[in-house]
């Protein structure tokens, strides 16, 4: 279901601008340091921002996952692959 970021507050739903303003005041008063816990707590208050927050929080913070998959597939380090590729010539 597509969300309209310009919905009218007259219909009881917030616009993205309204949510951003409200978020700015709520986040200033938040005393925790866990973004996931914060968004679980306030998700229903920010129906337009919450999906974006979910995407950002779930994004990997490093390349460790990619490197682990690469390593598990038997590739080893890039240098080893280069040597293997070089020896095939």
PDB file of N, CA and C in Angstrom:
ATOM      1  N   UNK A   1       0.841  -1.188   0.000  1.00  0.00           N
ATOM      2  CA  UNK A   1       0.000   0.000   0.000  1.00  0.00           C
ATOM      3  C   UNK A   1       0.879   1.241   0.000  1.00  0.00           C
ATOM      4  N   UNK A   2       0.686   2.085  -0.929  1.00  0.00           N
ATOM      5  CA  UNK A   2       1.484   3.311  -1.061  1.00  0.00           C
ATOM      6  C   UNK A   2       0.988   4.362  -0.085  1.00  0.00           C
ATOM      7  N   UNK A   3       1.933   5.006   0.581  1.00  0.00           N
ATOM      8  CA  UNK A   3       1.570   6.066   1.523  1.00  0.00           C
ATOM      9  C   UNK A   3       1.758   7.419   0.867  1.00  0.00           C
ATOM     10  N   UNK A   4       0.829   8.300   1.103  1.00  0.00           N
ATOM     11  CA  UNK A   4       0.906   9.639   0.547  1.00  0.00           C
ATOM     12  C   UNK A   4       1.523  10.559   1.585  1.00  0.00           C
ATOM     13  N   UNK A   5       2.696  11.132   1.262  1.00  0.00           N
ATOM     14  CA  UNK A   5       3.398  11.964   2.235  1.00  0.00           C
ATOM     15  C   UNK A   5       2.766  13.339   2.387  1.00  0.00           C
ATOM     16  N   UNK A   6       1.791  13.649   1.578  1.00  0.00           N
ATOM     17  CA  UNK A   6       1.164  14.970   1.660  1.00  0.00           C
ATOM     18  C   UNK A   6      -0.279  14.872   2.133  1.00  0.00           C
ATOM     19  N   UNK A   7      -0.589  13.873   2.949  1.00  0.00           N
ATOM     20  CA  UNK A   7      -1.961  13.745   3.426  1.00  0.00           C
ATOM     21  C   UNK A   7      -2.326  14.898   4.331  1.00  0.00           C
ATOM     22  N   UNK A   8      -3.565  15.222   4.355  1.00  0.00           N
ATOM     23  CA  UNK A   8      -4.041  16.371   5.121  1.00  0.00           C
ATOM     24  C   UNK A   8      -4.238  16.011   6.579  1.00  0.00           C
ATOM     25  N   UNK A   9      -3.848  16.929   7.464  1.00  0.00           N
ATOM     26  CA  UNK A   9      -4.081  16.694   8.882  1.00  0.00           C
ATOM     27  C   UNK A   9      -5.571  16.800   9.212  1.00  0.00           C
ATOM     28  N   UNK A  10      -6.359  17.333   8.296  1.00  0.00           N
ATOM     29  CA  UNK A  10      -7.801  17.418   8.512  1.00  0.00           C
ATOM     30  C   UNK A  10      -8.438  16.028   8.511  1.00  0.00           C
ATOM     31  N   UNK A  11      -7.789  15.075   7.841  1.00  0.00           N
ATOM     32  CA  UNK A  11      -8.324  13.719   7.798  1.00  0.00           C
ATOM     33  C   UNK A  11      -7.857  12.891   8.985  1.00  0.00           C
ATOM     34  N   UNK A  12      -7.048  13.486   9.883  1.00  0.00           N
ATOM     35  CA  UNK A  12      -6.575  12.758  11.045  1.00  0.00           C
ATOM     36  C   UNK A  12      -5.226  12.093  10.832  1.00  0.00           C
ATOM     37  N   UNK A  13      -4.656  12.215   9.656  1.00  0.00           N
ATOM     38  CA  UNK A  13      -3.341  11.645   9.395  1.00  0.00           C
ATOM     39  C   UNK A  13      -2.334  12.773   9.238  1.00  0.00           C
ATOM     40  N   UNK A  14      -1.106  12.483   9.569  1.00  0.00           N
ATOM     41  CA  UNK A  14      -0.056  13.500   9.518  1.00  0.00           C
ATOM     42  C   UNK A  14       0.627  13.552   8.165  1.00  0.00           C
ATOM     43  N   UNK A  15       1.127  14.706   7.833  1.00  0.00           N
ATOM     44  CA  UNK A  15       1.985  14.823   6.676  1.00  0.00           C
ATOM     45  C   UNK A  15       3.394  14.476   7.131  1.00  0.00           C
ATOM     46  N   UNK A  16       4.266  14.270   6.210  1.00  0.00           N
ATOM     47  CA  UNK A  16       5.653  13.956   6.547  1.00  0.00           C
ATOM     48  C   UNK A  16       6.288  15.113   7.324  1.00  0.00           C
ATOM     49  N   UNK A  17       5.904  16.327   6.984  1.00  0.00           N
ATOM     50  CA  UNK A  17       6.428  17.492   7.697  1.00  0.00           C
ATOM     51  C   UNK A  17       6.002  17.484   9.156  1.00  0.00           C
ATOM     52  N   UNK A  18       4.726  17.125   9.400  1.00  0.00           N
ATOM     53  CA  UNK A  18       4.216  17.024  10.771  1.00  0.00           C
ATOM     54  C   UNK A  18       4.973  15.958  11.554  1.00  0.00           C
ATOM     55  N   UNK A  19       5.186  14.805  10.901  1.00  0.00           N
ATOM     56  CA  UNK A  19       5.902  13.726  11.578  1.00  0.00           C
ATOM     57  C   UNK A  19       7.342  14.115  11.888  1.00  0.00           C
ATOM     58  N   UNK A  20       7.996  14.782  10.963  1.00  0.00           N
ATOM     59  CA  UNK A  20       9.385  15.208  11.203  1.00  0.00           C
ATOM     60  C   UNK A  20       9.469  16.175  12.374  1.00  0.00           C
ATOM     61  N   UNK A  21       8.539  17.112  12.447  1.00  0.00           N
ATOM     62  CA  UNK A  21       8.532  18.071  13.556  1.00  0.00           C
ATOM     63  C   UNK A  21       8.295  17.360  14.885  1.00  0.00           C
ATOM     64  N   UNK A  22       7.345  16.445  14.890  1.00  0.00           N
ATOM     65  CA  UNK A  22       7.056  15.686  16.103  1.00  0.00           C
ATOM     66  C   UNK A  22       8.236  14.793  16.483  1.00  0.00           C
ATOM     67  N   UNK A  23       8.833  14.151  15.496  1.00  0.00           N
ATOM     68  CA  UNK A  23       9.998  13.290  15.735  1.00  0.00           C
ATOM     69  C   UNK A  23      11.139  14.088  16.369  1.00  0.00           C
ATOM     70  N   UNK A  24      11.369  15.294  15.868  1.00  0.00           N
ATOM     71  CA  UNK A  24      12.461  16.126  16.393  1.00  0.00           C
ATOM     72  C   UNK A  24      12.276  16.392  17.888  1.00  0.00           C
ATOM     73  N   UNK A  25      11.061  16.626  18.309  1.00  0.00           N
ATOM     74  CA  UNK A  25      10.851  16.886  19.742  1.00  0.00           C
ATOM     75  C   UNK A  25      10.905  15.597  20.560  1.00  0.00           C
ATOM     76  N   UNK A  26      10.405  14.505  20.026  1.00  0.00           N
ATOM     77  CA  UNK A  26      10.418  13.233  20.754  1.00  0.00           C
ATOM     78  C   UNK A  26      11.841  12.710  20.915  1.00  0.00           C
ATOM     79  N   UNK A  27      12.620  12.777  19.859  1.00  0.00           N
ATOM     80  CA  UNK A  27      13.973  12.215  19.920  1.00  0.00           C
ATOM     81  C   UNK A  27      14.864  13.015  20.878  1.00  0.00           C
ATOM     82  N   UNK A  28      14.603  14.306  21.019  1.00  0.00           N
ATOM     83  CA  UNK A  28      15.373  15.126  21.966  1.00  0.00           C
ATOM     84  C   UNK A  28      15.141  14.677  23.399  1.00  0.00           C
ATOM     85  N   UNK A  29      13.948  14.199  23.696  1.00  0.00           N
ATOM     86  CA  UNK A  29      13.635  13.785  25.068  1.00  0.00           C
ATOM     87  C   UNK A  29      13.930  12.310  25.329  1.00  0.00           C
ATOM     88  N   UNK A  30      14.346  11.570  24.297  1.00  0.00           N
ATOM     89  CA  UNK A  30      14.645  10.145  24.454  1.00  0.00           C
ATOM     90  C   UNK A  30      15.961   9.977  25.198  1.00  0.00           C
ATOM     91  N   UNK A  31      15.947   9.207  26.274  1.00  0.00           N
ATOM     92  CA  UNK A  31      17.146   9.060  27.103  1.00  0.00           C
ATOM     93  C   UNK A  31      17.928   7.786  26.797  1.00  0.00           C
ATOM     94  N   UNK A  32      17.392   6.917  25.966  1.00  0.00           N
ATOM     95  CA  UNK A  32      18.081   5.665  25.649  1.00  0.00           C
ATOM     96  C   UNK A  32      19.136   5.862  24.572  1.00  0.00           C
ATOM     97  N   UNK A  33      19.826   4.757  24.240  1.00  0.00           N
ATOM     98  CA  UNK A  33      20.837   4.827  23.184  1.00  0.00           C
ATOM     99  C   UNK A  33      20.680   3.699  22.175  1.00  0.00           C
ATOM    100  N   UNK A  34      19.493   3.105  22.104  1.00  0.00           N
ATOM    101  CA  UNK A  34      19.247   2.005  21.189  1.00  0.00           C
ATOM    102  C   UNK A  34      18.181   2.429  20.179  1.00  0.00           C
ATOM    103  N   UNK A  35      18.601   2.608  18.942  1.00  0.00           N
ATOM    104  CA  UNK A  35      17.686   3.089  17.897  1.00  0.00           C
ATOM    105  C   UNK A  35      16.548   2.111  17.645  1.00  0.00           C
ATOM    106  N   UNK A  36      16.847   0.820  17.672  1.00  0.00           N
ATOM    107  CA  UNK A  36      15.797  -0.166  17.425  1.00  0.00           C
ATOM    108  C   UNK A  36      14.728  -0.113  18.512  1.00  0.00           C
ATOM    109  N   UNK A  37      15.127  -0.045  19.761  1.00  0.00           N
ATOM    110  CA  UNK A  37      14.158   0.063  20.853  1.00  0.00           C
ATOM    111  C   UNK A  37      13.336   1.345  20.731  1.00  0.00           C
ATOM    112  N   UNK A  38      13.988   2.437  20.358  1.00  0.00           N
ATOM    113  CA  UNK A  38      13.274   3.704  20.173  1.00  0.00           C
ATOM    114  C   UNK A  38      12.176   3.543  19.133  1.00  0.00           C
ATOM    115  N   UNK A  39      12.527   2.987  17.968  1.00  0.00           N
ATOM    116  CA  UNK A  39      11.541   2.894  16.894  1.00  0.00           C
ATOM    117  C   UNK A  39      10.452   1.876  17.183  1.00  0.00           C
ATOM    118  N   UNK A  40      10.760   0.827  17.926  1.00  0.00           N
ATOM    119  CA  UNK A  40       9.715  -0.114  18.327  1.00  0.00           C
ATOM    120  C   UNK A  40       8.707   0.604  19.218  1.00  0.00           C
ATOM    121  N   UNK A  41       9.202   1.460  20.091  1.00  0.00           N
ATOM    122  CA  UNK A  41       8.346   2.198  21.024  1.00  0.00           C
ATOM    123  C   UNK A  41       7.468   3.233  20.322  1.00  0.00           C
ATOM    124  N   UNK A  42       8.021   3.942  19.346  1.00  0.00           N
ATOM    125  CA  UNK A  42       7.293   5.063  18.729  1.00  0.00           C
ATOM    126  C   UNK A  42       6.767   4.773  17.328  1.00  0.00           C
ATOM    127  N   UNK A  43       6.900   3.545  16.872  1.00  0.00           N
ATOM    128  CA  UNK A  43       6.523   3.197  15.500  1.00  0.00           C
ATOM    129  C   UNK A  43       5.102   3.628  15.140  1.00  0.00           C
ATOM    130  N   UNK A  44       4.154   3.396  16.010  1.00  0.00           N
ATOM    131  CA  UNK A  44       2.764   3.734  15.690  1.00  0.00           C
ATOM    132  C   UNK A  44       2.524   5.242  15.644  1.00  0.00           C
ATOM    133  N   UNK A  45       3.391   6.011  16.277  1.00  0.00           N
ATOM    134  CA  UNK A  45       3.255   7.474  16.256  1.00  0.00           C
ATOM    135  C   UNK A  45       3.803   8.087  14.973  1.00  0.00           C
ATOM    136  N   UNK A  46       4.633   7.339  14.264  1.00  0.00           N
ATOM    137  CA  UNK A  46       5.279   7.854  13.049  1.00  0.00           C
ATOM    138  C   UNK A  46       5.106   6.870  11.890  1.00  0.00           C
ATOM    139  N   UNK A  47       3.881   6.726  11.380  1.00  0.00           N
ATOM    140  CA  UNK A  47       3.643   5.736  10.327  1.00  0.00           C
ATOM    141  C   UNK A  47       4.354   6.027   9.007  1.00  0.00           C
ATOM    142  N   UNK A  48       4.720   7.265   8.757  1.00  0.00           N
ATOM    143  CA  UNK A  48       5.433   7.587   7.521  1.00  0.00           C
ATOM    144  C   UNK A  48       6.943   7.435   7.686  1.00  0.00           C
ATOM    145  N   UNK A  49       7.475   7.773   8.849  1.00  0.00           N
ATOM    146  CA  UNK A  49       8.911   7.702   9.093  1.00  0.00           C
ATOM    147  C   UNK A  49       9.383   6.303   9.491  1.00  0.00           C
ATOM    148  N   UNK A  50       8.521   5.539  10.150  1.00  0.00           N
ATOM    149  CA  UNK A  50       8.925   4.230  10.666  1.00  0.00           C
ATOM    150  C   UNK A  50       9.464   3.280   9.582  1.00  0.00           C
ATOM    151  N   UNK A  51       8.849   3.183   8.401  1.00  0.00           N
ATOM    152  CA  UNK A  51       9.408   2.286   7.377  1.00  0.00           C
ATOM    153  C   UNK A  51      10.816   2.700   6.936  1.00  0.00           C
ATOM    154  N   UNK A  52      11.056   3.989   6.851  1.00  0.00           N
ATOM    155  CA  UNK A  52      12.387   4.475   6.498  1.00  0.00           C
ATOM    156  C   UNK A  52      13.385   4.108   7.593  1.00  0.00           C
ATOM    157  N   UNK A  53      12.987   4.316   8.835  1.00  0.00           N
ATOM    158  CA  UNK A  53      13.859   3.970   9.962  1.00  0.00           C
ATOM    159  C   UNK A  53      14.164   2.478   9.961  1.00  0.00           C
ATOM    160  N   UNK A  54      13.166   1.671   9.671  1.00  0.00           N
ATOM    161  CA  UNK A  54      13.365   0.219   9.619  1.00  0.00           C
ATOM    162  C   UNK A  54      14.397  -0.149   8.560  1.00  0.00           C
ATOM    163  N   UNK A  55      14.298   0.464   7.401  1.00  0.00           N
ATOM    164  CA  UNK A  55      15.272   0.202   6.331  1.00  0.00           C
ATOM    165  C   UNK A  55      16.680   0.613   6.752  1.00  0.00           C
ATOM    166  N   UNK A  56      16.792   1.770   7.374  1.00  0.00           N
ATOM    167  CA  UNK A  56      18.106   2.263   7.770  1.00  0.00           C
ATOM    168  C   UNK A  56      18.708   1.454   8.909  1.00  0.00           C
ATOM    169  N   UNK A  57      17.901   1.059   9.862  1.00  0.00           N
ATOM    170  CA  UNK A  57      18.400   0.289  10.996  1.00  0.00           C
ATOM    171  C   UNK A  57      18.811  -1.112  10.557  1.00  0.00           C
ATOM    172  N   UNK A  58      18.119  -1.673   9.586  1.00  0.00           N
ATOM    173  CA  UNK A  58      18.415  -3.034   9.160  1.00  0.00           C
ATOM    174  C   UNK A  58      19.568  -3.122   8.164  1.00  0.00           C
ATOM    175  N   UNK A  59      20.056  -1.990   7.683  1.00  0.00           N
ATOM    176  CA  UNK A  59      21.169  -2.007   6.740  1.00  0.00           C
ATOM    177  C   UNK A  59      22.446  -2.455   7.448  1.00  0.00           C
ATOM    178  N   UNK A  60      23.250  -3.299   6.804  1.00  0.00           N
ATOM    179  CA  UNK A  60      24.500  -3.724   7.433  1.00  0.00           C
ATOM    180  C   UNK A  60      25.426  -2.530   7.642  1.00  0.00           C
ATOM    181  N   UNK A  61      26.113  -2.518   8.782  1.00  0.00           N
ATOM    182  CA  UNK A  61      26.976  -1.386   9.093  1.00  0.00           C
ATOM    183  C   UNK A  61      28.415  -1.585   8.643  1.00  0.00           C
ATOM    184  N   UNK A  62      28.714  -2.721   8.052  1.00  0.00           N
ATOM    185  CA  UNK A  62      30.073  -2.950   7.568  1.00  0.00           C
ATOM    186  C   UNK A  62      30.039  -3.962   6.435  1.00  0.00           C
ATOM    187  N   UNK A  63      31.191  -4.247   5.910  1.00  0.00           N
ATOM    188  CA  UNK A  63      31.305  -5.236   4.850  1.00  0.00           C
ATOM    189  C   UNK A  63      31.618  -6.615   5.407  1.00  0.00           C
ATOM    190  N   UNK A  64      31.573  -6.774   6.730  1.00  0.00           N
ATOM    191  CA  UNK A  64      31.927  -8.049   7.349  1.00  0.00           C
ATOM    192  C   UNK A  64      31.081  -9.188   6.800  1.00  0.00           C
ATOM    193  N   UNK A  65      29.784  -8.943   6.603  1.00  0.00           N
ATOM    194  CA  UNK A  65      28.910  -9.995   6.076  1.00  0.00           C
ATOM    195  C   UNK A  65      29.375 -10.419   4.687  1.00  0.00           C
ATOM    196  N   UNK A  66      29.636  -9.467   3.829  1.00  0.00           N
ATOM    197  CA  UNK A  66      30.072  -9.765   2.473  1.00  0.00           C
ATOM    198  C   UNK A  66      31.394 -10.527   2.507  1.00  0.00           C
ATOM    199  N   UNK A  67      32.316 -10.080   3.355  1.00  0.00           N
ATOM    200  CA  UNK A  67      33.607 -10.751   3.453  1.00  0.00           C
ATOM    201  C   UNK A  67      33.453 -12.171   3.979  1.00  0.00           C
ATOM    202  N   UNK A  68      32.541 -12.369   4.930  1.00  0.00           N
ATOM    203  CA  UNK A  68      32.331 -13.707   5.487  1.00  0.00           C
ATOM    204  C   UNK A  68      31.760 -14.633   4.417  1.00  0.00           C
ATOM    205  N   UNK A  69      30.793 -14.172   3.653  1.00  0.00           N
ATOM    206  CA  UNK A  69      30.222 -14.986   2.583  1.00  0.00           C
ATOM    207  C   UNK A  69      31.299 -15.327   1.565  1.00  0.00           C
ATOM    208  N   UNK A  70      32.091 -14.341   1.209  1.00  0.00           N
ATOM    209  CA  UNK A  70      33.171 -14.544   0.258  1.00  0.00           C
ATOM    210  C   UNK A  70      34.124 -15.621   0.774  1.00  0.00           C
ATOM    211  N   UNK A  71      34.477 -15.542   2.041  1.00  0.00           N
ATOM    212  CA  UNK A  71      35.400 -16.483   2.644  1.00  0.00           C
ATOM    213  C   UNK A  71      34.788 -17.882   2.732  1.00  0.00           C
ATOM    214  N   UNK A  72      33.503 -17.975   3.083  1.00  0.00           N
ATOM    215  CA  UNK A  72      32.835 -19.272   3.229  1.00  0.00           C
ATOM    216  C   UNK A  72      32.721 -20.002   1.895  1.00  0.00           C
ATOM    217  N   UNK A  73      32.714 -19.278   0.811  1.00  0.00           N
ATOM    218  CA  UNK A  73      32.575 -19.898  -0.504  1.00  0.00           C
ATOM    219  C   UNK A  73      33.907 -20.444  -1.022  1.00  0.00           C
ATOM    220  N   UNK A  74      34.951 -20.378  -0.200  1.00  0.00           N
ATOM    221  CA  UNK A  74      36.228 -20.957  -0.568  1.00  0.00           C
ATOM    222  C   UNK A  74      37.121 -20.037  -1.367  1.00  0.00           C
ATOM    223  N   UNK A  75      36.748 -18.790  -1.450  1.00  0.00           N
ATOM    224  CA  UNK A  75      37.561 -17.870  -2.235  1.00  0.00           C
ATOM    225  C   UNK A  75      38.805 -17.420  -1.508  1.00  0.00           C
ATOM    226  N   UNK A  76      38.760 -17.394  -0.184  1.00  0.00           N
ATOM    227  CA  UNK A  76      39.903 -16.907   0.561  1.00  0.00           C
ATOM    228  C   UNK A  76      40.075 -15.426   0.348  1.00  0.00           C
ATOM    229  N   UNK A  77      41.284 -14.979   0.429  1.00  0.00           N
ATOM    230  CA  UNK A  77      41.556 -13.555   0.254  1.00  0.00           C
ATOM    231  C   UNK A  77      41.660 -13.224  -1.228  1.00  0.00           C
ATOM    232  N   UNK A  78      41.534 -11.946  -1.589  1.00  0.00           N
ATOM    233  CA  UNK A  78      41.680 -11.566  -2.998  1.00  0.00           C
ATOM    234  C   UNK A  78      43.047 -11.966  -3.558  1.00  0.00           C
ATOM    235  N   UNK A  79      44.068 -11.943  -2.739  1.00  0.00           N
ATOM    236  CA  UNK A  79      45.406 -12.323  -3.212  1.00  0.00           C
ATOM    237  C   UNK A  79      45.421 -13.790  -3.632  1.00  0.00           C
ATOM    238  N   UNK A  80      44.759 -14.654  -2.853  1.00  0.00           N
ATOM    239  CA  UNK A  80      44.713 -16.074  -3.194  1.00  0.00           C
ATOM    240  C   UNK A  80      43.958 -16.272  -4.496  1.00  0.00           C
ATOM    241  N   UNK A  81      42.888 -15.562  -4.682  1.00  0.00           N
ATOM    242  CA  UNK A  81      42.136 -15.666  -5.936  1.00  0.00           C
ATOM    243  C   UNK A  81      43.006 -15.218  -7.103  1.00  0.00           C
ATOM    244  N   UNK A  82      43.732 -14.143  -6.917  1.00  0.00           N
ATOM    245  CA  UNK A  82      44.598 -13.660  -7.981  1.00  0.00           C
ATOM    246  C   UNK A  82      45.615 -14.733  -8.344  1.00  0.00           C
ATOM    247  N   UNK A  83      46.222 -15.368  -7.311  1.00  0.00           N
ATOM    248  CA  UNK A  83      47.212 -16.401  -7.581  1.00  0.00           C
ATOM    249  C   UNK A  83      46.570 -17.577  -8.284  1.00  0.00           C
ATOM    250  N   UNK A  84      45.377 -17.979  -7.862  1.00  0.00           N
ATOM    251  CA  UNK A  84      44.681 -19.079  -8.502  1.00  0.00           C
ATOM    252  C   UNK A  84      44.352 -18.725  -9.955  1.00  0.00           C
ATOM    253  N   UNK A  85      43.852 -17.530 -10.169  1.00  0.00           N
ATOM    254  CA  UNK A  85      43.521 -17.091 -11.509  1.00  0.00           C
ATOM    255  C   UNK A  85      44.762 -16.984 -12.380  1.00  0.00           C
ATOM    256  N   UNK A  86      45.843 -16.524 -11.789  1.00  0.00           N
ATOM    257  CA  UNK A  86      47.085 -16.374 -12.527  1.00  0.00           C
ATOM    258  C   UNK A  86      47.641 -17.738 -12.950  1.00  0.00           C
ATOM    259  N   UNK A  87      47.477 -18.735 -12.070  1.00  0.00           N
ATOM    260  CA  UNK A  87      48.031 -20.054 -12.383  1.00  0.00           C
ATOM    261  C   UNK A  87      47.211 -20.781 -13.435  1.00  0.00           C
ATOM    262  N   UNK A  88      45.994 -20.328 -13.728  1.00  0.00           N
ATOM    263  CA  UNK A  88      45.185 -20.966 -14.741  1.00  0.00           C
ATOM    264  C   UNK A  88      45.584 -20.557 -16.154  1.00  0.00           C
ATOM    265  N   UNK A  89      46.370 -19.507 -16.259  1.00  0.00           N
ATOM    266  CA  UNK A  89      46.729 -19.013 -17.605  1.00  0.00           C
ATOM    267  C   UNK A  89      47.700 -19.894 -18.274  1.00  0.00           C
TER     268      UNK A  89
END
